[in-house]
Amino acid sequence: MIYSKRGILLDRFHIFVVRAILGMVFAVVLSLFFYPDTRMIYVIALGIFLVGMAYFFEYLRENKKNC
């Protein structure tokens, strides 16, 4: 469980939901901005990639703290 500075409790599921929503929003915005004629499957793949990268960079940040 993660506490914010205001004391709000965030568990891993809520963090995943926020990251998934933001990942899809950014995927749609980026794909519409750079490739307006892109198929929906590529937009979904980009969203999954963005969420995966968020978890990867969180892993690197946590790993760096433990060293």
C-alpha atoms as a PDB file:
ATOM      1  CA  MET A   1       0.000   0.000   0.000  1.00  0.00           C
ATOM      2  CA  ILE A   2       1.164   3.476  -0.814  1.00  0.00           C
ATOM      3  CA  TYR A   3       0.394   6.621   1.137  1.00  0.00           C
ATOM      4  CA  SER A   4       0.472  10.011  -0.485  1.00  0.00           C
ATOM      5  CA  LYS A   5       1.513  13.193   1.293  1.00  0.00           C
ATOM      6  CA  ARG A   6      -2.128  13.897   2.167  1.00  0.00           C
ATOM      7  CA  GLY A   7      -2.589  10.468   3.710  1.00  0.00           C
ATOM      8  CA  ILE A   8      -4.716   9.000   0.912  1.00  0.00           C
ATOM      9  CA  LEU A   9      -4.291   5.258   0.710  1.00  0.00           C
ATOM     10  CA  LEU A  10      -3.647   3.858  -2.771  1.00  0.00           C
ATOM     11  CA  ASP A  11      -3.359   0.136  -3.309  1.00  0.00           C
ATOM     12  CA  ARG A  12      -1.830  -1.539  -6.322  1.00  0.00           C
ATOM     13  CA  PHE A  13      -5.162  -2.087  -8.090  1.00  0.00           C
ATOM     14  CA  HIS A  14      -6.057   1.616  -7.987  1.00  0.00           C
ATOM     15  CA  ILE A  15      -2.602   2.528  -9.267  1.00  0.00           C
ATOM     16  CA  PHE A  16      -3.061   0.054 -12.125  1.00  0.00           C
ATOM     17  CA  VAL A  17      -6.454   1.549 -13.009  1.00  0.00           C
ATOM     18  CA  VAL A  18      -5.037   5.085 -13.057  1.00  0.00           C
ATOM     19  CA  ARG A  19      -2.060   4.004 -15.171  1.00  0.00           C
ATOM     20  CA  ALA A  20      -4.281   2.065 -17.583  1.00  0.00           C
ATOM     21  CA  ILE A  21      -6.629   5.016 -18.072  1.00  0.00           C
ATOM     22  CA  LEU A  22      -3.779   7.482 -18.540  1.00  0.00           C
ATOM     23  CA  GLY A  23      -1.963   5.054 -20.839  1.00  0.00           C
ATOM     24  CA  MET A  24      -4.989   4.744 -23.100  1.00  0.00           C
ATOM     25  CA  VAL A  25      -5.614   8.496 -23.108  1.00  0.00           C
ATOM     26  CA  PHE A  26      -2.019   9.247 -24.049  1.00  0.00           C
ATOM     27  CA  ALA A  27      -2.031   6.464 -26.654  1.00  0.00           C
ATOM     28  CA  VAL A  28      -5.101   7.964 -28.330  1.00  0.00           C
ATOM     29  CA  VAL A  29      -3.683  11.497 -28.215  1.00  0.00           C
ATOM     30  CA  LEU A  30      -0.267  10.453 -29.545  1.00  0.00           C
ATOM     31  CA  SER A  31      -1.684   8.277 -32.297  1.00  0.00           C
ATOM     32  CA  LEU A  32      -4.160  10.936 -33.418  1.00  0.00           C
ATOM     33  CA  PHE A  33      -1.459  13.590 -33.371  1.00  0.00           C
ATOM     34  CA  PHE A  34       1.216  11.668 -35.293  1.00  0.00           C
ATOM     35  CA  TYR A  35      -0.783   9.053 -37.240  1.00  0.00           C
ATOM     36  CA  PRO A  36      -4.439  10.048 -37.651  1.00  0.00           C
ATOM     37  CA  ASP A  37      -5.257   7.052 -39.890  1.00  0.00           C
ATOM     38  CA  THR A  38      -3.987   4.413 -37.445  1.00  0.00           C
ATOM     39  CA  ARG A  39      -6.113   1.346 -36.753  1.00  0.00           C
ATOM     40  CA  MET A  40      -7.544   0.850 -33.273  1.00  0.00           C
ATOM     41  CA  ILE A  41      -5.486  -2.285 -32.560  1.00  0.00           C
ATOM     42  CA  TYR A  42      -2.274  -0.241 -32.825  1.00  0.00           C
ATOM     43  CA  VAL A  43      -3.645   2.368 -30.434  1.00  0.00           C
ATOM     44  CA  ILE A  44      -4.480  -0.355 -27.913  1.00  0.00           C
ATOM     45  CA  ALA A  45      -1.014  -1.871 -28.340  1.00  0.00           C
ATOM     46  CA  LEU A  46       0.562   1.536 -27.745  1.00  0.00           C
ATOM     47  CA  GLY A  47      -1.512   1.941 -24.583  1.00  0.00           C
ATOM     48  CA  ILE A  48      -0.390  -1.461 -23.294  1.00  0.00           C
ATOM     49  CA  PHE A  49       3.202  -0.553 -24.114  1.00  0.00           C
ATOM     50  CA  LEU A  50       2.937   2.742 -22.197  1.00  0.00           C
ATOM     51  CA  VAL A  51       1.494   1.038 -19.119  1.00  0.00           C
ATOM     52  CA  GLY A  52       4.197  -1.626 -19.311  1.00  0.00           C
ATOM     53  CA  MET A  53       6.885   1.036 -19.500  1.00  0.00           C
ATOM     54  CA  ALA A  54       5.418   2.741 -16.430  1.00  0.00           C
ATOM     55  CA  TYR A  55       5.783  -0.488 -14.460  1.00  0.00           C
ATOM     56  CA  PHE A  56       9.279  -1.074 -15.860  1.00  0.00           C
ATOM     57  CA  PHE A  57      10.477   2.372 -14.787  1.00  0.00           C
ATOM     58  CA  GLU A  58       8.874   1.903 -11.372  1.00  0.00           C
ATOM     59  CA  TYR A  59      10.851  -1.329 -11.037  1.00  0.00           C
ATOM     60  CA  LEU A  60      14.073   0.464 -11.970  1.00  0.00           C
ATOM     61  CA  ARG A  61      13.348   3.260  -9.492  1.00  0.00           C
ATOM     62  CA  GLU A  62      12.619   0.791  -6.668  1.00  0.00           C
ATOM     63  CA  ASN A  63      15.701  -1.231  -7.539  1.00  0.00           C
ATOM     64  CA  LYS A  64      17.859   1.902  -7.444  1.00  0.00           C
ATOM     65  CA  LYS A  65      16.551   2.783  -3.953  1.00  0.00           C
ATOM     66  CA  ASN A  66      17.461  -0.635  -2.587  1.00  0.00           C
ATOM     67  CA  CYS A  67      21.080  -0.474  -3.757  1.00  0.00           C
END
